Amino acid sequence: MSGISDFNVGYPSYRVPMMGRNAVAASQPLAAQAGIKMLQLGGNAVDAAIATAIALTVVEPTGNGIGSDAFAIVWDGNQLHALNASGRAPAAWSRETFAHLQAMPEIGWDSVTVPGAVSAWVELAERFGTLPLTTLAQPAIDYARNGFPVSPLIGHLWERGYQKLRDQPGFSACFAPEGRPPRVGELFRNPRQAETLEKIAATNGEAFYRGELAEKIAAFAKEHGAALTLEDLHNHRADWVTMLSRPFAGGSVQELPPNGQGIATLMALGILEQWDIERYEPDSAQWLHLSIEAMKLALVDLERYIADEEHMEFPAELLLSDDYLRERAALIDPHQAGDFTFGAPKQSGTVYLSTADANGMMVSFIQSNYMGFGSGVVVPDTGISLQNRGAGFVLEETHPNVVAAGKRAFHTIIPAFALDGDGQPLMSFGVMGGPMQAQGHLQMALRIMLHKQNPQAAIDAPRWRVVAGREVIVEPALDRNVIAALRAMGHHIVVEDPLQTYSFGGAQAIVRDPQGFWIAATESRKDGQALVF
């Protein structure tokens, strides 16, 4: 391969928010262009979101695929709608299935649950879309058939995924057909994936859950002694659900209910309100200390209680009651890092994208194979890479998230939305990167809603991530004096370069300006792009 060979960004770069009457913000530029094309064809924000999501399965296979799960929030111009399109465990799974293990498998067929992303595309298109699925899938089909240049971050992650998963069934044949992963800047073609997307689009998803593709998935599972069956695929459904909400900064933050982790963001915001967090400057030691402590309190409850909503010990709303959040807030020492345990409320690899159109419709959408390429299993001659969401279950018998037949695993991926004080859309936003997502939602809500930072500044600001106990990872851009102050409070601070560890994920956001246009921003440390017109 000739031409440019060094794709490292060796100098500080600067990105500004984009403004326009139509907007798409996504984690890969070619996918964002697919969404913009649908808007230019006369489609709406939902059409743009679907086209972007389908394209991402081709151009960013390191984070998602046709075998992903997905969640979405749609503002239709008048109200919010929330879709849970995560799949369920195979009917043959039980705790006894994995009794010989210490934890759920993270790769291979024993981590594969029913894929839900295709059902998300179909549900959204049927309820809100204006263009046929065959049109929405066409940019992705073209990228897969004719090839696309592998972008820098995705190329690095592809190499990582290959080293980990190259021996998994079907992986290397699909993603390393030359005996190696593609290099950054190299054209990569996946013609079988193009054919699969054509079949999905032509049948409105029927081929994937009940037809030819479903039969290929089930046959490959049977060949490897896996539990997933044709009946498991037949029985899948996506569900329209009721949002969870928390008032904040004169508006409200909206998250999907469990099986996702969005409730942790709402809990942390509620705890911070008890501490009048608005008194402190963003990025100050006290602002960070209280934010970290609130997030830690929310996360220990998340780990203990959150599961498939049908299997939880009590309604999720109890974790958001004012009385309970006041009790949790009282545990914070304003001068010292704590090491918290869960409370007792009284009973009574991911890609994210956001789209908005000139008529006021907005979409917050997320889909993921979970850990990079997911399970590593790729169904031969289809380009269907399967997620490893089964790793989200636990084996503790009394835990609400214990693995069971037909059950949804605890999910890390969460889209988010914010309304203003009049109940009108303020922001569609999301964060990629496993355990970073609820924490990133909190940080973006604080910066944009409370401190009125523009979305690009909020995304570019130094980030932090709670790990366990008192350990907190921060970016090197955080002020050294602030880091020293946090350490003096007892926080175990670890400084990590996000471009080396990829431990902070990425973010996209679209904010509504009162004048009637959108302000879009995306992760400046990654390959993402926000496009407007």
Protein backbone atom coordinates (compact mmCIF):
# COMPACT_ATOMS: atom_id res chain seq x y z
CA MET A 1 0.00 0.00 0.00
CA SER A 2 1.46 3.35 -1.02
CA GLY A 3 0.64 6.89 0.10
CA ILE A 4 0.31 8.14 3.66
CA SER A 5 1.34 5.52 6.20
CA ASP A 6 1.53 7.51 9.44
CA PHE A 7 -1.97 8.19 10.78
CA ASN A 8 -0.90 9.20 14.29
CA VAL A 9 -2.06 12.63 15.42
CA GLY A 10 1.14 14.00 16.92
CA TYR A 11 -0.11 17.47 17.72
CA PRO A 12 -2.99 18.92 19.75
CA SER A 13 -6.11 19.26 17.61
CA TYR A 14 -9.09 21.54 18.00
CA ARG A 15 -12.71 20.77 17.23
CA VAL A 16 -15.67 23.12 17.42
CA PRO A 17 -19.37 22.29 17.78
CA MET A 18 -21.31 22.10 14.51
CA MET A 19 -24.55 24.03 14.03
CA GLY A 20 -27.42 23.52 11.60
CA ARG A 21 -31.10 22.68 11.17
CA ASN A 22 -30.40 18.97 10.63
CA ALA A 23 -27.67 17.07 12.46
CA VAL A 24 -26.04 13.67 12.81
CA ALA A 25 -23.36 12.88 15.40
CA ALA A 26 -21.73 9.46 15.20
CA SER A 27 -18.55 7.65 16.11
CA GLN A 28 -17.40 7.16 12.49
CA PRO A 29 -17.50 9.77 9.67
CA LEU A 30 -18.75 7.47 6.91
CA ALA A 31 -21.65 6.35 9.09
CA ALA A 32 -22.54 9.96 9.87
CA GLN A 33 -22.60 10.66 6.13
CA ALA A 34 -25.07 7.80 5.65
CA GLY A 35 -27.42 9.50 8.10
CA ILE A 36 -27.03 12.91 6.47
CA LYS A 37 -27.82 11.36 3.09
CA MET A 38 -31.19 10.14 4.38
CA LEU A 39 -32.04 13.63 5.63
CA GLN A 40 -31.09 15.07 2.25
CA LEU A 41 -33.38 12.51 0.59
CA GLY A 42 -36.28 13.92 2.64
CA GLY A 43 -36.14 11.40 5.48
CA ASN A 44 -36.47 12.31 9.15
CA ALA A 45 -34.21 11.90 12.17
CA VAL A 46 -35.31 8.28 12.68
CA ASP A 47 -34.44 7.42 9.08
CA ALA A 48 -31.05 9.06 9.62
CA ALA A 49 -30.47 7.14 12.86
CA ILE A 50 -31.28 3.78 11.28
CA ALA A 51 -29.06 4.39 8.26
CA THR A 52 -26.22 5.50 10.53
CA ALA A 53 -26.65 2.48 12.81
CA ILE A 54 -26.66 0.01 9.91
CA ALA A 55 -23.59 1.66 8.40
CA LEU A 56 -21.76 1.43 11.73
CA THR A 57 -22.03 -2.37 11.64
CA VAL A 58 -19.85 -2.23 8.51
CA VAL A 59 -17.39 0.60 9.14
CA GLU A 60 -16.94 0.10 12.90
CA PRO A 61 -17.09 -3.68 13.46
CA THR A 62 -14.84 -3.27 16.51
CA GLY A 63 -17.78 -1.90 18.48
CA ASN A 64 -20.92 -3.36 16.96
CA GLY A 65 -22.32 -5.65 14.32
CA ILE A 66 -25.48 -7.13 12.85
CA GLY A 67 -25.52 -9.43 15.90
CA SER A 68 -25.63 -6.53 18.40
CA ASP A 69 -28.24 -5.33 20.85
CA ALA A 70 -29.68 -1.81 20.71
CA PHE A 71 -31.66 0.78 22.68
CA ALA A 72 -33.25 4.00 21.46
CA ILE A 73 -35.02 7.13 22.67
CA VAL A 74 -37.14 9.07 20.17
CA TRP A 75 -38.63 12.54 20.53
CA ASP A 76 -41.36 12.50 17.88
CA GLY A 77 -42.00 16.24 18.08
CA ASN A 78 -44.43 15.95 20.99
CA GLN A 79 -43.29 13.22 23.38
CA LEU A 80 -40.58 10.70 24.17
CA HIS A 81 -40.64 7.01 23.24
CA ALA A 82 -38.15 4.44 24.54
CA LEU A 83 -37.23 1.13 22.90
CA ASN A 84 -35.45 -1.80 24.55
CA ALA A 85 -34.22 -4.08 21.77
CA SER A 86 -31.84 -6.15 23.85
CA GLY A 87 -31.98 -9.91 23.35
CA ARG A 88 -32.57 -12.65 25.88
CA ALA A 89 -30.69 -15.72 27.02
CA PRO A 90 -31.24 -18.96 25.07
CA ALA A 91 -34.03 -21.11 26.48
CA ALA A 92 -31.52 -23.87 27.28
CA TRP A 93 -29.45 -21.67 29.61
CA SER A 94 -29.64 -21.91 33.39
CA ARG A 95 -27.29 -21.36 36.29
CA GLU A 96 -26.55 -25.09 36.19
CA THR A 97 -25.36 -24.72 32.57
CA PHE A 98 -22.39 -22.74 33.89
CA ALA A 99 -22.03 -24.37 37.33
CA HIS A 100 -18.52 -25.57 36.48
CA LEU A 101 -17.32 -21.97 35.99
CA GLN A 102 -16.43 -19.16 38.39
CA ALA A 103 -17.90 -16.50 36.10
CA MET A 104 -19.83 -16.21 32.86
CA PRO A 105 -17.74 -16.69 29.71
CA GLU A 106 -16.68 -13.53 27.86
CA ILE A 107 -15.95 -15.03 24.43
CA GLY A 108 -17.20 -17.90 22.29
CA TRP A 109 -20.65 -19.39 21.82
CA ASP A 110 -21.32 -19.65 25.57
CA SER A 111 -21.44 -15.84 25.76
CA VAL A 112 -23.93 -15.37 22.90
CA THR A 113 -27.47 -14.16 23.58
CA VAL A 114 -30.18 -13.45 21.01
CA PRO A 115 -29.21 -10.38 18.92
CA GLY A 116 -31.66 -7.47 19.09
CA ALA A 117 -30.28 -4.66 16.91
CA VAL A 118 -32.05 -5.76 13.73
CA SER A 119 -35.38 -5.66 15.57
CA ALA A 120 -34.58 -2.09 16.68
CA TRP A 121 -34.06 -0.97 13.08
CA VAL A 122 -37.34 -2.60 12.04
CA GLU A 123 -39.39 -1.28 14.98
CA LEU A 124 -38.12 2.28 14.55
CA ALA A 125 -38.65 2.23 10.79
CA GLU A 126 -42.18 0.86 11.04
CA ARG A 127 -43.31 3.28 13.76
CA PHE A 128 -41.53 6.51 12.85
CA GLY A 129 -39.60 6.16 9.58
CA THR A 130 -40.58 7.58 6.21
CA LEU A 131 -38.09 5.84 3.91
CA PRO A 132 -38.04 2.08 3.14
CA LEU A 133 -35.49 -0.08 4.93
CA THR A 134 -33.95 -0.93 1.56
CA THR A 135 -33.07 2.77 1.13
CA LEU A 136 -31.81 3.12 4.70
CA ALA A 137 -29.49 0.12 4.34
CA GLN A 138 -28.04 1.13 0.98
CA PRO A 139 -25.06 3.21 2.22
CA ALA A 140 -23.99 0.33 4.48
CA ILE A 141 -24.42 -2.15 1.64
CA ASP A 142 -22.25 0.03 -0.60
CA TYR A 143 -19.53 0.33 2.06
CA ALA A 144 -19.52 -3.43 2.59
CA ARG A 145 -19.51 -4.37 -1.08
CA ASN A 146 -17.19 -1.69 -2.50
CA GLY A 147 -14.96 -1.22 0.53
CA PHE A 148 -14.20 1.54 3.01
CA PRO A 149 -10.88 2.89 4.35
CA VAL A 150 -10.26 1.69 7.90
CA SER A 151 -10.06 4.75 10.16
CA PRO A 152 -7.22 5.19 12.70
CA LEU A 153 -8.76 4.23 16.05
CA ILE A 154 -10.82 1.43 14.54
CA GLY A 155 -7.70 0.03 12.90
CA HIS A 156 -5.90 -0.12 16.25
CA LEU A 157 -8.88 -1.76 17.94
CA TRP A 158 -9.20 -4.23 15.05
CA GLU A 159 -5.63 -5.39 15.70
CA ARG A 160 -6.43 -5.82 19.40
CA GLY A 161 -9.57 -7.77 18.65
CA TYR A 162 -7.77 -10.02 16.20
CA GLN A 163 -5.12 -10.95 18.77
CA LYS A 164 -7.84 -11.93 21.24
CA LEU A 165 -10.46 -13.55 18.99
CA ARG A 166 -8.75 -14.89 15.86
CA ASP A 167 -9.39 -18.52 16.85
CA GLN A 168 -13.11 -18.05 17.50
CA PRO A 169 -15.44 -19.72 15.00
CA GLY A 170 -15.68 -17.69 11.79
CA PHE A 171 -13.77 -14.65 13.07
CA SER A 172 -10.61 -14.68 10.97
CA ALA A 173 -12.39 -15.69 7.77
CA CYS A 174 -14.55 -12.57 8.07
CA PHE A 175 -12.30 -9.96 9.69
CA ALA A 176 -8.81 -11.12 8.69
CA PRO A 177 -9.27 -12.76 5.27
CA GLU A 178 -5.65 -11.98 4.33
CA GLY A 179 -4.38 -13.72 7.46
CA ARG A 180 -4.09 -10.41 9.31
CA PRO A 181 -6.37 -7.53 10.31
CA PRO A 182 -6.58 -4.63 7.84
CA ARG A 183 -4.16 -1.76 8.34
CA VAL A 184 -5.21 1.80 9.08
CA GLY A 185 -6.13 3.47 5.78
CA GLU A 186 -6.51 0.15 3.95
CA LEU A 187 -9.71 -0.54 2.01
CA PHE A 188 -11.70 -3.38 3.56
CA ARG A 189 -14.54 -5.18 1.79
CA ASN A 190 -17.13 -7.50 3.31
CA PRO A 191 -19.33 -8.63 0.39
CA ARG A 192 -21.11 -11.30 2.42
CA GLN A 193 -22.23 -8.67 4.91
CA ALA A 194 -23.59 -6.64 2.00
CA GLU A 195 -25.68 -9.63 0.90
CA THR A 196 -26.93 -10.16 4.45
CA LEU A 197 -27.99 -6.52 4.81
CA GLU A 198 -29.83 -6.76 1.50
CA LYS A 199 -31.79 -9.77 2.80
CA ILE A 200 -32.59 -8.06 6.09
CA ALA A 201 -33.77 -4.89 4.34
CA ALA A 202 -35.81 -6.71 1.68
CA THR A 203 -37.70 -8.75 4.31
CA ASN A 204 -37.99 -6.08 7.05
CA GLY A 205 -35.89 -8.25 9.32
CA GLU A 206 -37.85 -11.47 8.83
CA ALA A 207 -34.87 -13.23 7.23
CA PHE A 208 -32.84 -12.57 10.38
CA TYR A 209 -35.31 -13.93 12.94
CA ARG A 210 -37.42 -16.42 10.99
CA GLY A 211 -35.89 -17.01 7.58
CA GLU A 212 -32.68 -17.91 5.80
CA LEU A 213 -30.31 -15.99 8.07
CA ALA A 214 -31.93 -17.32 11.24
CA GLU A 215 -31.46 -20.86 9.93
CA LYS A 216 -27.76 -20.20 9.26
CA ILE A 217 -27.23 -18.79 12.76
CA ALA A 218 -29.01 -21.74 14.39
CA ALA A 219 -27.20 -24.31 12.24
CA PHE A 220 -23.79 -22.80 13.11
CA ALA A 221 -24.72 -22.83 16.80
CA LYS A 222 -25.74 -26.50 16.58
CA GLU A 223 -22.52 -27.36 14.76
CA HIS A 224 -20.56 -26.02 17.75
CA GLY A 225 -22.81 -27.50 20.42
CA ALA A 226 -24.16 -24.08 21.43
CA ALA A 227 -27.51 -23.41 23.07
CA LEU A 228 -28.94 -20.80 20.68
CA THR A 229 -31.78 -22.22 18.58
CA LEU A 230 -34.10 -21.19 15.79
CA GLU A 231 -36.89 -20.98 18.35
CA ASP A 232 -34.86 -18.52 20.45
CA LEU A 233 -34.58 -16.29 17.39
CA HIS A 234 -38.27 -16.73 16.53
CA ASN A 235 -39.31 -15.69 20.04
CA HIS A 236 -37.32 -12.45 20.17
CA ARG A 237 -39.20 -9.18 20.55
CA ALA A 238 -38.22 -5.58 21.13
CA ASP A 239 -40.23 -3.69 23.76
CA TRP A 240 -41.44 -0.10 24.01
CA VAL A 241 -40.87 0.87 27.63
CA THR A 242 -41.52 3.76 30.04
CA MET A 243 -38.63 6.14 30.71
CA LEU A 244 -37.10 6.79 34.12
CA SER A 245 -36.64 10.49 34.86
CA ARG A 246 -35.00 12.78 37.39
CA PRO A 247 -35.45 16.57 37.65
CA PHE A 248 -32.15 18.39 37.33
CA ALA A 249 -30.88 21.93 36.71
CA GLY A 250 -34.29 23.30 35.80
CA GLY A 251 -35.04 20.44 33.42
CA SER A 252 -34.85 16.67 33.61
CA VAL A 253 -32.62 13.79 32.56
CA GLN A 254 -34.29 10.78 30.94
CA GLU A 255 -32.90 7.23 30.96
CA LEU A 256 -34.24 3.82 29.98
CA PRO A 257 -35.27 1.53 32.84
CA PRO A 258 -33.32 -1.63 33.72
CA ASN A 259 -31.88 -3.95 32.36
CA GLY A 260 -29.58 -0.97 31.64
CA GLN A 261 -27.41 1.12 33.94
CA GLY A 262 -28.94 4.52 33.19
CA ILE A 263 -30.61 4.64 36.60
CA ALA A 264 -27.13 5.12 38.16
CA THR A 265 -26.83 8.50 36.42
CA LEU A 266 -30.18 9.61 37.83
CA MET A 267 -29.26 8.42 41.32
CA ALA A 268 -25.95 10.29 41.26
CA LEU A 269 -27.64 13.48 40.06
CA GLY A 270 -30.19 13.20 42.87
CA ILE A 271 -27.43 12.71 45.43
CA LEU A 272 -25.50 15.72 44.12
CA GLU A 273 -28.56 17.93 44.43
CA GLN A 274 -28.45 17.30 48.19
CA TRP A 275 -24.96 18.80 48.18
CA ASP A 276 -25.83 21.90 46.11
CA ILE A 277 -23.24 20.91 43.53
CA GLU A 278 -23.86 24.13 41.58
CA ARG A 279 -21.88 26.04 44.26
CA TYR A 280 -18.62 24.59 42.98
CA GLU A 281 -16.64 25.38 39.85
CA PRO A 282 -16.42 22.55 37.30
CA ASP A 283 -13.07 20.74 37.46
CA SER A 284 -12.39 22.01 40.99
CA ALA A 285 -11.30 19.44 43.56
CA GLN A 286 -14.51 19.75 45.60
CA TRP A 287 -16.73 19.47 42.50
CA LEU A 288 -14.89 16.36 41.40
CA HIS A 289 -14.80 14.83 44.88
CA LEU A 290 -18.57 15.12 45.37
CA SER A 291 -19.28 13.89 41.83
CA ILE A 292 -17.03 10.86 42.30
CA GLU A 293 -18.55 10.00 45.68
CA ALA A 294 -22.11 10.30 44.34
CA MET A 295 -21.23 8.04 41.43
CA LYS A 296 -19.66 5.46 43.74
CA LEU A 297 -22.83 5.32 45.84
CA ALA A 298 -24.95 4.82 42.73
CA LEU A 299 -22.68 2.15 41.30
CA VAL A 300 -22.69 -0.09 44.37
CA ASP A 301 -26.49 -0.10 44.29
CA LEU A 302 -26.40 -0.73 40.56
CA GLU A 303 -24.19 -3.79 41.02
CA ARG A 304 -26.39 -5.21 43.77
CA TYR A 305 -29.91 -4.59 42.49
CA ILE A 306 -30.14 -3.99 38.74
CA ALA A 307 -31.19 -6.77 36.38
CA ASP A 308 -33.90 -7.55 33.85
CA GLU A 309 -36.77 -5.44 35.22
CA GLU A 310 -39.04 -8.49 35.36
CA HIS A 311 -36.59 -10.14 37.79
CA MET A 312 -35.73 -7.26 40.13
CA GLU A 313 -36.50 -7.52 43.86
CA PHE A 314 -38.44 -4.23 43.86
CA PRO A 315 -39.43 -1.49 41.39
CA ALA A 316 -36.44 0.47 40.09
CA GLU A 317 -38.17 3.74 41.00
CA LEU A 318 -37.52 3.06 44.70
CA LEU A 319 -33.83 3.75 44.08
CA LEU A 320 -34.81 7.24 42.91
CA SER A 321 -37.00 8.27 45.84
CA ASP A 322 -36.03 11.57 47.47
CA ASP A 323 -35.87 10.03 50.93
CA TYR A 324 -33.52 7.26 49.80
CA LEU A 325 -31.23 9.61 47.89
CA ARG A 326 -31.03 11.93 50.92
CA GLU A 327 -29.98 8.94 53.03
CA ARG A 328 -27.30 8.02 50.52
CA ALA A 329 -26.06 11.61 50.18
CA ALA A 330 -25.61 11.82 53.95
CA LEU A 331 -22.93 9.11 53.72
CA ILE A 332 -20.58 11.40 51.81
CA ASP A 333 -17.74 13.00 53.75
CA PRO A 334 -16.98 16.31 51.98
CA HIS A 335 -13.29 16.02 52.86
CA GLN A 336 -12.54 12.31 52.57
CA ALA A 337 -13.04 9.56 49.97
CA GLY A 338 -15.34 6.77 51.08
CA ASP A 339 -15.62 3.06 50.35
CA PHE A 340 -19.35 2.37 50.20
CA THR A 341 -21.62 -0.65 50.31
CA PHE A 342 -25.07 -0.92 48.78
CA GLY A 343 -28.09 0.59 50.51
CA ALA A 344 -31.54 -0.78 51.33
CA PRO A 345 -34.36 1.23 49.73
CA LYS A 346 -37.70 0.81 51.43
CA GLN A 347 -40.12 -1.13 49.30
CA SER A 348 -43.60 0.45 48.69
CA GLY A 349 -16.15 -2.63 22.17
CA THR A 350 -20.34 0.16 21.71
CA VAL A 351 -21.40 2.76 19.19
CA TYR A 352 -23.61 5.71 20.03
CA LEU A 353 -25.27 8.14 17.63
CA SER A 354 -27.65 11.06 17.80
CA THR A 355 -29.74 12.62 15.04
CA ALA A 356 -32.09 15.60 14.75
CA ASP A 357 -34.09 17.10 11.90
CA ALA A 358 -35.52 20.48 10.95
CA ASN A 359 -39.00 19.46 12.09
CA GLY A 360 -37.88 18.90 15.68
CA MET A 361 -37.56 15.11 15.77
CA MET A 362 -34.56 13.76 17.73
CA VAL A 363 -33.13 10.29 18.25
CA SER A 364 -30.71 8.96 20.86
CA PHE A 365 -29.52 5.50 19.74
CA ILE A 366 -26.93 3.02 20.93
CA GLN A 367 -25.94 -0.46 19.76
CA SER A 368 -23.11 -2.74 20.74
CA ASN A 369 -21.53 -6.16 20.53
CA TYR A 370 -20.39 -5.46 24.13
CA MET A 371 -16.64 -6.21 24.40
CA GLY A 372 -15.17 -5.02 21.12
CA PHE A 373 -16.12 -7.55 18.47
CA GLY A 374 -18.29 -9.30 21.08
CA SER A 375 -18.12 -13.07 21.36
CA GLY A 376 -15.76 -13.35 18.39
CA VAL A 377 -18.21 -15.75 16.75
CA VAL A 378 -19.05 -14.85 13.15
CA VAL A 379 -21.61 -16.87 11.20
CA PRO A 380 -19.86 -18.08 7.98
CA ASP A 381 -20.66 -16.31 4.70
CA THR A 382 -22.95 -13.76 6.39
CA GLY A 383 -20.79 -11.11 8.08
CA ILE A 384 -22.96 -11.56 11.20
CA SER A 385 -20.73 -11.08 14.26
CA LEU A 386 -22.49 -12.08 17.47
CA GLN A 387 -22.46 -10.17 20.75
CA ASN A 388 -21.25 -11.52 24.09
CA ARG A 389 -24.00 -10.07 26.29
CA GLY A 390 -24.20 -13.34 28.20
CA ALA A 391 -21.11 -12.10 30.05
CA GLY A 392 -23.40 -9.53 31.68
CA PHE A 393 -25.07 -12.21 33.82
CA VAL A 394 -23.75 -13.41 37.18
CA LEU A 395 -23.68 -16.91 38.70
CA GLU A 396 -24.58 -15.93 42.26
CA GLU A 397 -27.78 -17.90 42.91
CA THR A 398 -29.60 -15.23 44.94
CA HIS A 399 -28.65 -12.26 42.75
CA PRO A 400 -31.44 -10.74 40.63
CA ASN A 401 -29.09 -10.79 37.62
CA VAL A 402 -28.32 -14.53 37.85
CA VAL A 403 -28.35 -16.21 34.43
CA ALA A 404 -31.67 -17.83 33.47
CA ALA A 405 -33.55 -18.95 30.37
CA GLY A 406 -35.19 -16.18 28.36
CA LYS A 407 -33.83 -13.47 30.63
CA ARG A 408 -32.18 -10.21 29.62
CA ALA A 409 -28.69 -9.66 31.00
CA PHE A 410 -27.60 -6.49 32.78
CA HIS A 411 -26.61 -4.05 30.06
CA THR A 412 -23.93 -1.38 29.96
CA ILE A 413 -25.21 0.44 26.86
CA ILE A 414 -27.61 3.32 27.50
CA PRO A 415 -28.84 6.21 25.35
CA ALA A 416 -29.83 9.39 27.21
CA PHE A 417 -32.04 12.42 26.72
CA ALA A 418 -32.69 15.68 28.53
CA LEU A 419 -35.75 17.91 28.57
CA ASP A 420 -35.91 21.58 29.53
CA GLY A 421 -38.20 23.06 32.18
CA ASP A 422 -41.10 23.25 29.70
CA GLY A 423 -40.83 19.57 28.81
CA GLN A 424 -39.28 20.34 25.43
CA PRO A 425 -36.16 18.58 24.09
CA LEU A 426 -32.90 20.02 25.35
CA MET A 427 -30.34 17.39 24.43
CA SER A 428 -29.86 13.93 22.97
CA PHE A 429 -26.61 12.47 24.25
CA GLY A 430 -24.68 9.33 24.95
CA VAL A 431 -21.32 7.89 25.91
CA MET A 432 -19.56 4.76 24.68
CA GLY A 433 -17.38 2.47 26.76
CA GLY A 434 -18.83 -0.12 29.17
CA PRO A 435 -18.62 1.08 32.78
CA MET A 436 -17.94 4.66 31.63
CA GLN A 437 -21.43 5.22 30.27
CA ALA A 438 -23.47 6.12 33.36
CA GLN A 439 -20.49 8.05 34.69
CA GLY A 440 -20.11 9.91 31.40
CA HIS A 441 -23.82 10.76 31.35
CA LEU A 442 -23.42 12.32 34.80
CA GLN A 443 -20.43 14.39 33.72
CA MET A 444 -22.14 15.63 30.56
CA ALA A 445 -25.35 16.53 32.39
CA LEU A 446 -23.38 18.50 34.98
CA ARG A 447 -21.37 20.37 32.39
CA ILE A 448 -24.08 21.12 29.81
CA MET A 449 -27.24 21.44 31.92
CA LEU A 450 -25.84 22.89 35.14
CA HIS A 451 -22.77 24.82 33.99
CA LYS A 452 -24.02 25.68 30.47
CA GLN A 453 -20.88 24.48 28.71
CA ASN A 454 -21.23 23.92 24.96
CA PRO A 455 -21.40 20.21 24.05
CA GLN A 456 -17.97 20.10 22.41
CA ALA A 457 -16.32 21.60 25.49
CA ALA A 458 -18.22 19.16 27.72
CA ILE A 459 -17.02 16.21 25.62
CA ASP A 460 -13.42 17.47 25.43
CA ALA A 461 -13.16 18.24 29.18
CA PRO A 462 -10.92 16.01 31.36
CA ARG A 463 -12.84 12.89 32.35
CA TRP A 464 -12.77 10.62 35.36
CA ARG A 465 -13.97 7.07 35.90
CA VAL A 466 -14.59 5.22 39.15
CA VAL A 467 -13.09 1.73 39.10
CA ALA A 468 -13.58 0.11 42.51
CA GLY A 469 -13.26 1.19 46.11
CA ARG A 470 -11.34 4.46 46.16
CA GLU A 471 -9.63 3.98 42.79
CA VAL A 472 -10.41 6.62 40.18
CA ILE A 473 -8.90 6.89 36.71
CA VAL A 474 -8.46 10.42 35.32
CA GLU A 475 -7.16 11.90 32.10
CA PRO A 476 -3.76 13.62 32.08
CA ALA A 477 -5.37 16.94 31.08
CA LEU A 478 -6.78 17.29 34.60
CA ASP A 479 -4.92 19.99 36.55
CA ARG A 480 -2.02 18.57 38.60
CA ASN A 481 -2.99 20.59 41.70
CA VAL A 482 -6.50 19.17 41.53
CA ILE A 483 -5.11 15.64 41.25
CA ALA A 484 -2.95 16.31 44.31
CA ALA A 485 -5.96 17.63 46.24
CA LEU A 486 -8.01 14.53 45.37
CA ARG A 487 -5.19 12.27 46.50
CA ALA A 488 -5.02 14.20 49.79
CA MET A 489 -8.71 13.39 50.25
CA GLY A 490 -7.94 9.68 49.99
CA HIS A 491 -8.78 9.02 46.34
CA HIS A 492 -6.46 6.53 44.67
CA ILE A 493 -5.89 8.47 41.44
CA VAL A 494 -4.53 6.72 38.36
CA VAL A 495 -3.70 8.90 35.35
CA GLU A 496 -4.28 7.25 31.97
CA ASP A 497 -3.88 8.51 28.42
CA PRO A 498 -7.21 7.85 26.64
CA LEU A 499 -5.47 7.39 23.30
CA GLN A 500 -3.36 4.57 24.74
CA THR A 501 -5.84 2.71 26.92
CA TYR A 502 -9.21 3.58 25.31
CA SER A 503 -10.62 3.36 28.85
CA PHE A 504 -12.86 6.43 28.61
CA GLY A 505 -14.86 5.52 25.52
CA GLY A 506 -16.30 8.39 23.49
CA ALA A 507 -19.33 10.65 23.36
CA GLN A 508 -21.78 12.35 21.01
CA ALA A 509 -24.40 15.00 21.74
CA ILE A 510 -26.90 17.22 19.95
CA VAL A 511 -28.26 20.21 21.87
CA ARG A 512 -31.31 22.27 20.83
CA ASP A 513 -30.74 26.00 20.54
CA PRO A 514 -33.83 28.12 21.38
CA GLN A 515 -33.48 29.85 17.99
CA GLY A 516 -34.48 26.63 16.25
CA PHE A 517 -31.25 24.95 15.20
CA TRP A 518 -29.07 22.15 16.58
CA ILE A 519 -25.59 22.23 18.10
CA ALA A 520 -23.82 18.91 17.49
CA ALA A 521 -20.56 17.62 18.91
CA THR A 522 -18.62 14.38 18.99
CA GLU A 523 -15.54 12.86 20.60
CA SER A 524 -12.44 14.76 19.49
CA ARG A 525 -10.08 12.01 20.72
CA LYS A 526 -11.68 9.41 18.45
CA ASP A 527 -12.71 8.93 14.80
CA GLY A 528 -16.21 10.38 15.32
CA GLN A 529 -17.82 13.21 13.40
CA ALA A 530 -20.78 15.56 13.72
CA LEU A 531 -22.37 16.67 10.44
CA VAL A 532 -25.03 19.33 9.91
CA PHE A 533 -26.81 21.15 7.10
